[in-house]
Amino acid sequence: MRVLLSNDDGVHAAGLRALADALEGDEVWVCAPDGEQSATSHAISLHRPLRLHEEAPRWYAVDGTPTDAVYVGMNLVLKDRWPDVVISGVNHGPNLGNDVHYSGTVAAAMEAALLGVPAIAVSLAAPPPHDFTQAARLAVELARALVAVRPSRPVLLNVNVPPGRVRGWRLARLGKRTYGNEVVTKIDPRGRRYYWIGGEGGAVNQDIPGSDCNAVMEEGLASVTPLQLDATDGGAFEELAALRLPGLTREPGPC
């Protein structure tokens, strides 16, 4: 396979190196942020220049977001021949449930899928110290399966792997995780206020049968969740058909 790797933990992250090691024998390219970019979601740098540094042969660092890295990797570094698949990770921690809306790891994979290439975001749902071996191996096996199937449309998979030996995997829907909503106020040494959002403590996973949270955190299974690129809420059309805006006529549409 020709594979492009990226992440949101930075070009020197251990999870990224584990993926590269697991792809021994394949044509591996890396284009990743030059430092940690966790929780940057799908941010892209349109109002400042980017710097690209070659760390080693086929191994590049971008001083931008995960989305920037994949965009530059595909449209500059590999512009003459795109990869067969893009893998983002292995993230140092989970990206379960509604985490996908904030995750730079998922955003990097999503950028590849938007550009038309199958993509996998893979995360290790474990606290440090991390052993990325199983997560990297599972991601590579999934990548090989995707390339072999040659899907007719871009596929975006969000994968979470529990700690330790992986005894199995499950196709799972996104679950739901609840975080603190507090805004913590502090005072800096010069007497000025600053704020931390999110409160203290970790996430609380809701018990939703069939969800990625349950598979990984309760059953010790790896979860594989296909994400869709079309964010349209088709189920809302019927309810919204009753909307009336004074002075405006609603034109007929396809929905």
C-alpha atoms as a PDB file:
ATOM      1  CA  MET A   1       0.000   0.000   0.000  1.00  0.00           C
ATOM      2  CA  ARG A   2       0.902   3.638  -0.394  1.00  0.00           C
ATOM      3  CA  VAL A   3      -0.127   5.158   2.949  1.00  0.00           C
ATOM      4  CA  LEU A   4      -0.195   8.703   4.283  1.00  0.00           C
ATOM      5  CA  LEU A   5      -0.006   8.993   8.075  1.00  0.00           C
ATOM      6  CA  SER A   6      -0.958  11.995  10.170  1.00  0.00           C
ATOM      7  CA  ASN A   7      -2.210  12.770  13.684  1.00  0.00           C
ATOM      8  CA  ASP A   8      -2.970  15.548  16.162  1.00  0.00           C
ATOM      9  CA  ASP A   9      -0.322  14.641  18.767  1.00  0.00           C
ATOM     10  CA  GLY A  10       2.587  15.887  16.667  1.00  0.00           C
ATOM     11  CA  VAL A  11       5.105  14.512  14.238  1.00  0.00           C
ATOM     12  CA  HIS A  12       7.274  13.006  17.006  1.00  0.00           C
ATOM     13  CA  ALA A  13       4.409  11.231  18.820  1.00  0.00           C
ATOM     14  CA  ALA A  14       4.905   7.604  19.822  1.00  0.00           C
ATOM     15  CA  GLY A  15       1.516   6.586  18.399  1.00  0.00           C
ATOM     16  CA  LEU A  16       2.507   7.858  14.955  1.00  0.00           C
ATOM     17  CA  ARG A  17       5.802   5.978  15.086  1.00  0.00           C
ATOM     18  CA  ALA A  18       3.961   2.792  16.084  1.00  0.00           C
ATOM     19  CA  LEU A  19       1.785   3.069  12.980  1.00  0.00           C
ATOM     20  CA  ALA A  20       4.811   3.595  10.755  1.00  0.00           C
ATOM     21  CA  ASP A  21       6.530   0.560  12.297  1.00  0.00           C
ATOM     22  CA  ALA A  22       3.425  -1.597  11.782  1.00  0.00           C
ATOM     23  CA  LEU A  23       3.438  -0.689   8.076  1.00  0.00           C
ATOM     24  CA  GLU A  24       6.881  -2.154   7.440  1.00  0.00           C
ATOM     25  CA  GLY A  25       7.060  -3.207   3.811  1.00  0.00           C
ATOM     26  CA  ASP A  26       4.535  -0.617   2.627  1.00  0.00           C
ATOM     27  CA  GLU A  27       5.256   2.780   1.091  1.00  0.00           C
ATOM     28  CA  VAL A  28       4.749   5.059   4.086  1.00  0.00           C
ATOM     29  CA  TRP A  29       4.584   8.843   3.986  1.00  0.00           C
ATOM     30  CA  VAL A  30       4.069  11.081   7.016  1.00  0.00           C
ATOM     31  CA  CYS A  31       2.718  14.632   7.068  1.00  0.00           C
ATOM     32  CA  ALA A  32       1.761  15.673  10.590  1.00  0.00           C
ATOM     33  CA  PRO A  33       1.635  18.809  12.752  1.00  0.00           C
ATOM     34  CA  ASP A  34       4.962  19.896  14.211  1.00  0.00           C
ATOM     35  CA  GLY A  35       3.452  19.928  17.722  1.00  0.00           C
ATOM     36  CA  GLU A  36       0.354  18.846  19.612  1.00  0.00           C
ATOM     37  CA  GLN A  37      -2.932  19.984  18.047  1.00  0.00           C
ATOM     38  CA  SER A  38      -5.456  18.067  20.139  1.00  0.00           C
ATOM     39  CA  ALA A  39      -9.099  19.245  20.077  1.00  0.00           C
ATOM     40  CA  THR A  40      -8.534  21.524  17.077  1.00  0.00           C
ATOM     41  CA  SER A  41     -11.355  19.770  15.190  1.00  0.00           C
ATOM     42  CA  HIS A  42     -11.415  20.575  11.450  1.00  0.00           C
ATOM     43  CA  ALA A  43      -9.676  23.946  11.660  1.00  0.00           C
ATOM     44  CA  ILE A  44      -7.734  24.944   8.553  1.00  0.00           C
ATOM     45  CA  SER A  45      -5.204  27.789   8.250  1.00  0.00           C
ATOM     46  CA  LEU A  46      -6.422  30.168   5.542  1.00  0.00           C
ATOM     47  CA  HIS A  47      -5.070  33.463   6.894  1.00  0.00           C
ATOM     48  CA  ARG A  48      -1.420  32.714   7.519  1.00  0.00           C
ATOM     49  CA  PRO A  49       1.378  30.925   5.639  1.00  0.00           C
ATOM     50  CA  LEU A  50       2.429  27.399   6.556  1.00  0.00           C
ATOM     51  CA  ARG A  51       5.948  26.001   6.911  1.00  0.00           C
ATOM     52  CA  LEU A  52       6.837  22.487   5.783  1.00  0.00           C
ATOM     53  CA  HIS A  53       9.946  20.789   7.160  1.00  0.00           C
ATOM     54  CA  GLU A  54      11.325  17.420   6.046  1.00  0.00           C
ATOM     55  CA  GLU A  55      12.280  15.610   9.240  1.00  0.00           C
ATOM     56  CA  ALA A  56      13.494  12.487   7.389  1.00  0.00           C
ATOM     57  CA  PRO A  57      12.865  10.907   3.994  1.00  0.00           C
ATOM     58  CA  ARG A  58       9.069  10.783   3.431  1.00  0.00           C
ATOM     59  CA  TRP A  59       8.527  12.266   6.935  1.00  0.00           C
ATOM     60  CA  TYR A  60       7.230  15.869   7.020  1.00  0.00           C
ATOM     61  CA  ALA A  61       6.175  18.327   9.725  1.00  0.00           C
ATOM     62  CA  VAL A  62       3.708  21.185   9.134  1.00  0.00           C
ATOM     63  CA  ASP A  63       3.358  24.123  11.514  1.00  0.00           C
ATOM     64  CA  GLY A  64      -0.427  23.913  11.357  1.00  0.00           C
ATOM     65  CA  THR A  65      -3.460  21.854  12.240  1.00  0.00           C
ATOM     66  CA  PRO A  66      -4.107  18.182  11.459  1.00  0.00           C
ATOM     67  CA  THR A  67      -6.344  19.276   8.589  1.00  0.00           C
ATOM     68  CA  ASP A  68      -3.530  21.468   7.247  1.00  0.00           C
ATOM     69  CA  ALA A  69      -1.145  18.524   7.427  1.00  0.00           C
ATOM     70  CA  VAL A  70      -3.334  16.162   5.410  1.00  0.00           C
ATOM     71  CA  TYR A  71      -4.244  18.893   2.922  1.00  0.00           C
ATOM     72  CA  VAL A  72      -0.567  19.720   2.340  1.00  0.00           C
ATOM     73  CA  GLY A  73       0.394  16.054   2.323  1.00  0.00           C
ATOM     74  CA  MET A  74      -2.064  15.177  -0.421  1.00  0.00           C
ATOM     75  CA  ASN A  75      -2.035  18.352  -2.486  1.00  0.00           C
ATOM     76  CA  LEU A  76       1.692  19.095  -2.321  1.00  0.00           C
ATOM     77  CA  VAL A  77       3.842  16.242  -1.039  1.00  0.00           C
ATOM     78  CA  LEU A  78       1.871  13.489  -2.822  1.00  0.00           C
ATOM     79  CA  LYS A  79       0.162  15.599  -5.473  1.00  0.00           C
ATOM     80  CA  ASP A  80       1.455  13.443  -8.349  1.00  0.00           C
ATOM     81  CA  ARG A  81       0.112  10.205  -6.883  1.00  0.00           C
ATOM     82  CA  TRP A  82      -2.265  10.111  -3.967  1.00  0.00           C
ATOM     83  CA  PRO A  83      -2.148   7.413  -1.276  1.00  0.00           C
ATOM     84  CA  ASP A  84      -4.353   4.327  -1.291  1.00  0.00           C
ATOM     85  CA  VAL A  85      -5.429   5.104   2.268  1.00  0.00           C
ATOM     86  CA  VAL A  86      -4.846   7.691   5.002  1.00  0.00           C
ATOM     87  CA  ILE A  87      -4.475   6.711   8.668  1.00  0.00           C
ATOM     88  CA  SER A  88      -4.601   9.288  11.463  1.00  0.00           C
ATOM     89  CA  GLY A  89      -3.263   8.351  14.899  1.00  0.00           C
ATOM     90  CA  VAL A  90      -2.632   6.424  16.957  1.00  0.00           C
ATOM     91  CA  ASN A  91      -4.171   9.037  19.244  1.00  0.00           C
ATOM     92  CA  HIS A  92      -2.947   9.152  22.843  1.00  0.00           C
ATOM     93  CA  GLY A  93      -6.386   8.622  24.381  1.00  0.00           C
ATOM     94  CA  PRO A  94      -9.948   7.832  23.241  1.00  0.00           C
ATOM     95  CA  ASN A  95     -12.080   9.559  20.627  1.00  0.00           C
ATOM     96  CA  LEU A  96     -15.444   8.059  21.522  1.00  0.00           C
ATOM     97  CA  GLY A  97     -18.967   9.344  20.976  1.00  0.00           C
ATOM     98  CA  ASN A  98     -19.241  13.102  20.687  1.00  0.00           C
ATOM     99  CA  ASP A  99     -15.441  13.416  20.960  1.00  0.00           C
ATOM    100  CA  VAL A 100     -15.399  13.112  17.164  1.00  0.00           C
ATOM    101  CA  HIS A 101     -16.707  16.689  16.827  1.00  0.00           C
ATOM    102  CA  TYR A 102     -13.640  18.106  18.594  1.00  0.00           C
ATOM    103  CA  SER A 103     -10.953  15.606  17.634  1.00  0.00           C
ATOM    104  CA  GLY A 104      -8.038  16.653  15.466  1.00  0.00           C
ATOM    105  CA  THR A 105      -7.310  12.960  14.891  1.00  0.00           C
ATOM    106  CA  VAL A 106     -10.735  12.431  13.336  1.00  0.00           C
ATOM    107  CA  ALA A 107     -10.500  15.711  11.407  1.00  0.00           C
ATOM    108  CA  ALA A 108      -7.275  14.641   9.709  1.00  0.00           C
ATOM    109  CA  ALA A 109      -8.934  11.445   8.489  1.00  0.00           C
ATOM    110  CA  MET A 110     -12.068  13.343   7.510  1.00  0.00           C
ATOM    111  CA  GLU A 111     -10.040  15.724   5.340  1.00  0.00           C
ATOM    112  CA  ALA A 112      -8.690  12.758   3.407  1.00  0.00           C
ATOM    113  CA  ALA A 113     -12.182  11.326   2.960  1.00  0.00           C
ATOM    114  CA  LEU A 114     -13.465  14.704   1.756  1.00  0.00           C
ATOM    115  CA  LEU A 115     -10.689  14.659  -0.835  1.00  0.00           C
ATOM    116  CA  GLY A 116     -11.821  11.202  -1.949  1.00  0.00           C
ATOM    117  CA  VAL A 117      -9.418   8.791  -0.236  1.00  0.00           C
ATOM    118  CA  PRO A 118     -10.469   6.078   2.287  1.00  0.00           C
ATOM    119  CA  ALA A 119      -9.383   7.085   5.776  1.00  0.00           C
ATOM    120  CA  ILE A 120      -9.120   5.694   9.288  1.00  0.00           C
ATOM    121  CA  ALA A 121      -8.841   7.590  12.572  1.00  0.00           C
ATOM    122  CA  VAL A 122      -7.486   5.308  15.291  1.00  0.00           C
ATOM    123  CA  SER A 123      -7.241   6.035  19.014  1.00  0.00           C
ATOM    124  CA  LEU A 124      -6.010   4.106  22.037  1.00  0.00           C
ATOM    125  CA  ALA A 125      -8.609   4.387  24.795  1.00  0.00           C
ATOM    126  CA  ALA A 126      -6.158   4.030  27.664  1.00  0.00           C
ATOM    127  CA  PRO A 127      -4.298   6.251  30.113  1.00  0.00           C
ATOM    128  CA  PRO A 128      -0.481   6.458  29.960  1.00  0.00           C
ATOM    129  CA  PRO A 129       1.861   4.681  29.807  1.00  0.00           C
ATOM    130  CA  HIS A 130       0.679   3.707  26.322  1.00  0.00           C
ATOM    131  CA  ASP A 131       1.400   0.545  24.385  1.00  0.00           C
ATOM    132  CA  PHE A 132       0.286   1.292  20.830  1.00  0.00           C
ATOM    133  CA  THR A 133       1.193  -2.099  19.348  1.00  0.00           C
ATOM    134  CA  GLN A 134      -2.301  -3.612  19.208  1.00  0.00           C
ATOM    135  CA  ALA A 135      -3.980  -0.391  18.060  1.00  0.00           C
ATOM    136  CA  ALA A 136      -1.454   0.116  15.264  1.00  0.00           C
ATOM    137  CA  ARG A 137      -1.782  -3.499  14.136  1.00  0.00           C
ATOM    138  CA  LEU A 138      -5.582  -3.301  14.017  1.00  0.00           C
ATOM    139  CA  ALA A 139      -5.465  -0.038  12.055  1.00  0.00           C
ATOM    140  CA  VAL A 140      -3.116  -1.565   9.489  1.00  0.00           C
ATOM    141  CA  GLU A 141      -5.313  -4.664   9.096  1.00  0.00           C
ATOM    142  CA  LEU A 142      -8.345  -2.426   8.540  1.00  0.00           C
ATOM    143  CA  ALA A 143      -6.410  -0.344   6.024  1.00  0.00           C
ATOM    144  CA  ARG A 144      -5.446  -3.459   4.060  1.00  0.00           C
ATOM    145  CA  ALA A 145      -9.067  -4.629   4.064  1.00  0.00           C
ATOM    146  CA  LEU A 146     -10.290  -1.231   2.820  1.00  0.00           C
ATOM    147  CA  VAL A 147      -7.749  -1.116   0.012  1.00  0.00           C
ATOM    148  CA  ALA A 148      -8.628  -4.674  -1.018  1.00  0.00           C
ATOM    149  CA  VAL A 149     -12.377  -3.920  -1.111  1.00  0.00           C
ATOM    150  CA  ARG A 150     -11.911  -0.704  -3.146  1.00  0.00           C
ATOM    151  CA  PRO A 151     -15.099   0.995  -1.872  1.00  0.00           C
ATOM    152  CA  SER A 152     -17.122   2.916  -4.461  1.00  0.00           C
ATOM    153  CA  ARG A 153     -17.193   6.031  -2.269  1.00  0.00           C
ATOM    154  CA  PRO A 154     -14.843   7.471   0.347  1.00  0.00           C
ATOM    155  CA  VAL A 155     -15.041   5.591   3.642  1.00  0.00           C
ATOM    156  CA  LEU A 156     -14.239   7.259   6.967  1.00  0.00           C
ATOM    157  CA  LEU A 157     -13.783   4.951   9.958  1.00  0.00           C
ATOM    158  CA  ASN A 158     -13.380   6.019  13.567  1.00  0.00           C
ATOM    159  CA  VAL A 159     -11.612   3.270  15.512  1.00  0.00           C
ATOM    160  CA  ASN A 160     -11.072   3.032  19.260  1.00  0.00           C
ATOM    161  CA  VAL A 161      -8.973   0.298  20.808  1.00  0.00           C
ATOM    162  CA  PRO A 162      -9.052  -0.758  24.491  1.00  0.00           C
ATOM    163  CA  PRO A 163      -5.843  -1.289  26.461  1.00  0.00           C
ATOM    164  CA  GLY A 164      -4.147  -4.672  26.452  1.00  0.00           C
ATOM    165  CA  ARG A 165      -4.794  -7.534  24.091  1.00  0.00           C
ATOM    166  CA  VAL A 166      -7.646  -6.931  21.643  1.00  0.00           C
ATOM    167  CA  ARG A 167      -9.982  -9.940  21.829  1.00  0.00           C
ATOM    168  CA  GLY A 168     -12.317  -8.744  19.087  1.00  0.00           C
ATOM    169  CA  TRP A 169     -13.941  -5.785  17.399  1.00  0.00           C
ATOM    170  CA  ARG A 170     -17.444  -4.553  16.688  1.00  0.00           C
ATOM    171  CA  LEU A 171     -19.134  -2.203  14.249  1.00  0.00           C
ATOM    172  CA  ALA A 172     -20.628   0.341  16.623  1.00  0.00           C
ATOM    173  CA  ARG A 173     -22.628   3.549  16.561  1.00  0.00           C
ATOM    174  CA  LEU A 174     -21.343   6.699  18.233  1.00  0.00           C
ATOM    175  CA  GLY A 175     -22.099   6.847  21.922  1.00  0.00           C
ATOM    176  CA  LYS A 176     -22.334   9.877  24.173  1.00  0.00           C
ATOM    177  CA  ARG A 177     -19.825  11.223  26.675  1.00  0.00           C
ATOM    178  CA  THR A 178     -20.521  13.954  29.201  1.00  0.00           C
ATOM    179  CA  TYR A 179     -17.851  16.362  30.362  1.00  0.00           C
ATOM    180  CA  GLY A 180     -17.889  19.096  32.972  1.00  0.00           C
ATOM    181  CA  ASN A 181     -19.412  22.377  31.781  1.00  0.00           C
ATOM    182  CA  GLU A 182     -17.765  24.640  34.330  1.00  0.00           C
ATOM    183  CA  VAL A 183     -15.735  27.693  33.423  1.00  0.00           C
ATOM    184  CA  VAL A 184     -13.017  27.884  36.083  1.00  0.00           C
ATOM    185  CA  THR A 185     -11.784  31.380  36.890  1.00  0.00           C
ATOM    186  CA  LYS A 186      -8.193  31.947  38.008  1.00  0.00           C
ATOM    187  CA  ILE A 187      -5.984  34.970  38.675  1.00  0.00           C
ATOM    188  CA  ASP A 188      -2.561  35.267  37.064  1.00  0.00           C
ATOM    189  CA  PRO A 189       0.499  36.699  38.898  1.00  0.00           C
ATOM    190  CA  ARG A 190      -0.335  40.171  37.547  1.00  0.00           C
ATOM    191  CA  GLY A 191      -3.844  40.144  38.943  1.00  0.00           C
ATOM    192  CA  ARG A 192      -5.642  39.486  35.658  1.00  0.00           C
ATOM    193  CA  ARG A 193      -8.396  36.893  35.288  1.00  0.00           C
ATOM    194  CA  TYR A 194      -8.029  33.869  33.011  1.00  0.00           C
ATOM    195  CA  TYR A 195     -10.327  30.932  32.390  1.00  0.00           C
ATOM    196  CA  TRP A 196     -10.234  27.163  31.924  1.00  0.00           C
ATOM    197  CA  ILE A 197     -13.249  25.590  30.241  1.00  0.00           C
ATOM    198  CA  GLY A 198     -14.497  22.032  30.722  1.00  0.00           C
ATOM    199  CA  GLY A 199     -14.225  21.747  34.476  1.00  0.00           C
ATOM    200  CA  GLU A 200     -12.376  18.999  36.301  1.00  0.00           C
ATOM    201  CA  GLY A 201     -12.499  15.219  36.071  1.00  0.00           C
ATOM    202  CA  GLY A 202     -12.817  12.843  33.147  1.00  0.00           C
ATOM    203  CA  ALA A 203     -15.677  11.945  30.834  1.00  0.00           C
ATOM    204  CA  VAL A 204     -18.757   9.992  31.889  1.00  0.00           C
ATOM    205  CA  ASN A 205     -19.962   7.513  29.247  1.00  0.00           C
ATOM    206  CA  GLN A 206     -23.687   6.989  28.847  1.00  0.00           C
ATOM    207  CA  ASP A 207     -24.860   3.375  28.771  1.00  0.00           C
ATOM    208  CA  ILE A 208     -26.075   3.045  25.162  1.00  0.00           C
ATOM    209  CA  PRO A 209     -26.235  -0.545  23.876  1.00  0.00           C
ATOM    210  CA  GLY A 210     -24.404  -0.931  20.578  1.00  0.00           C
ATOM    211  CA  SER A 211     -22.332   2.208  21.095  1.00  0.00           C
ATOM    212  CA  ASP A 212     -18.594   2.621  20.767  1.00  0.00           C
ATOM    213  CA  CYS A 213     -18.401   3.691  24.427  1.00  0.00           C
ATOM    214  CA  ASN A 214     -19.966   0.443  25.604  1.00  0.00           C
ATOM    215  CA  ALA A 215     -17.877  -1.725  23.282  1.00  0.00           C
ATOM    216  CA  VAL A 216     -14.549  -0.216  24.328  1.00  0.00           C
ATOM    217  CA  MET A 217     -15.055   0.826  27.936  1.00  0.00           C
ATOM    218  CA  GLU A 218     -17.418  -1.929  29.137  1.00  0.00           C
ATOM    219  CA  GLU A 219     -16.806  -4.951  26.910  1.00  0.00           C
ATOM    220  CA  GLY A 220     -13.102  -4.652  26.076  1.00  0.00           C
ATOM    221  CA  LEU A 221     -13.713  -4.660  22.313  1.00  0.00           C
ATOM    222  CA  ALA A 222     -12.284  -2.420  19.629  1.00  0.00           C
ATOM    223  CA  SER A 223     -14.988  -0.288  18.043  1.00  0.00           C
ATOM    224  CA  VAL A 224     -15.195   0.564  14.347  1.00  0.00           C
ATOM    225  CA  THR A 225     -17.631   3.358  13.528  1.00  0.00           C
ATOM    226  CA  PRO A 226     -18.276   4.513   9.954  1.00  0.00           C
ATOM    227  CA  LEU A 227     -18.810   8.272   9.881  1.00  0.00           C
ATOM    228  CA  GLN A 228     -20.749  10.032   7.141  1.00  0.00           C
ATOM    229  CA  LEU A 229     -19.547  13.185   5.414  1.00  0.00           C
ATOM    230  CA  ASP A 230     -23.046  14.480   4.601  1.00  0.00           C
ATOM    231  CA  ALA A 231     -24.183  16.169   7.811  1.00  0.00           C
ATOM    232  CA  THR A 232     -27.711  16.857   6.539  1.00  0.00           C
ATOM    233  CA  ASP A 233     -30.404  15.890   9.052  1.00  0.00           C
ATOM    234  CA  GLY A 234     -32.877  14.242   6.691  1.00  0.00           C
ATOM    235  CA  GLY A 235     -35.253  13.419   9.531  1.00  0.00           C
ATOM    236  CA  ALA A 236     -35.879  17.116  10.226  1.00  0.00           C
ATOM    237  CA  PHE A 237     -37.319  17.939   6.784  1.00  0.00           C
ATOM    238  CA  GLU A 238     -40.825  16.805   7.649  1.00  0.00           C
ATOM    239  CA  GLU A 239     -40.981  18.893  10.829  1.00  0.00           C
ATOM    240  CA  LEU A 240     -39.437  21.936   9.173  1.00  0.00           C
ATOM    241  CA  ALA A 241     -41.954  21.798   6.325  1.00  0.00           C
ATOM    242  CA  ALA A 242     -44.397  23.554   8.656  1.00  0.00           C
ATOM    243  CA  LEU A 243     -42.151  26.618   8.991  1.00  0.00           C
ATOM    244  CA  ARG A 244     -43.634  29.865   7.678  1.00  0.00           C
ATOM    245  CA  LEU A 245     -41.584  33.036   7.177  1.00  0.00           C
ATOM    246  CA  PRO A 246     -43.676  36.234   6.836  1.00  0.00           C
ATOM    247  CA  GLY A 247     -43.409  37.822   3.403  1.00  0.00           C
ATOM    248  CA  LEU A 248     -41.395  34.957   1.900  1.00  0.00           C
ATOM    249  CA  THR A 249     -42.541  32.027  -0.217  1.00  0.00           C
ATOM    250  CA  ARG A 250     -40.902  28.678   0.325  1.00  0.00           C
ATOM    251  CA  GLU A 251     -39.819  27.321  -3.027  1.00  0.00           C
ATOM    252  CA  PRO A 252     -40.173  23.601  -3.746  1.00  0.00           C
ATOM    253  CA  GLY A 253     -36.996  21.613  -3.418  1.00  0.00           C
ATOM    254  CA  PRO A 254     -35.759  18.067  -3.729  1.00  0.00           C
ATOM    255  CA  CYS A 255     -36.569  17.317  -0.085  1.00  0.00           C
END
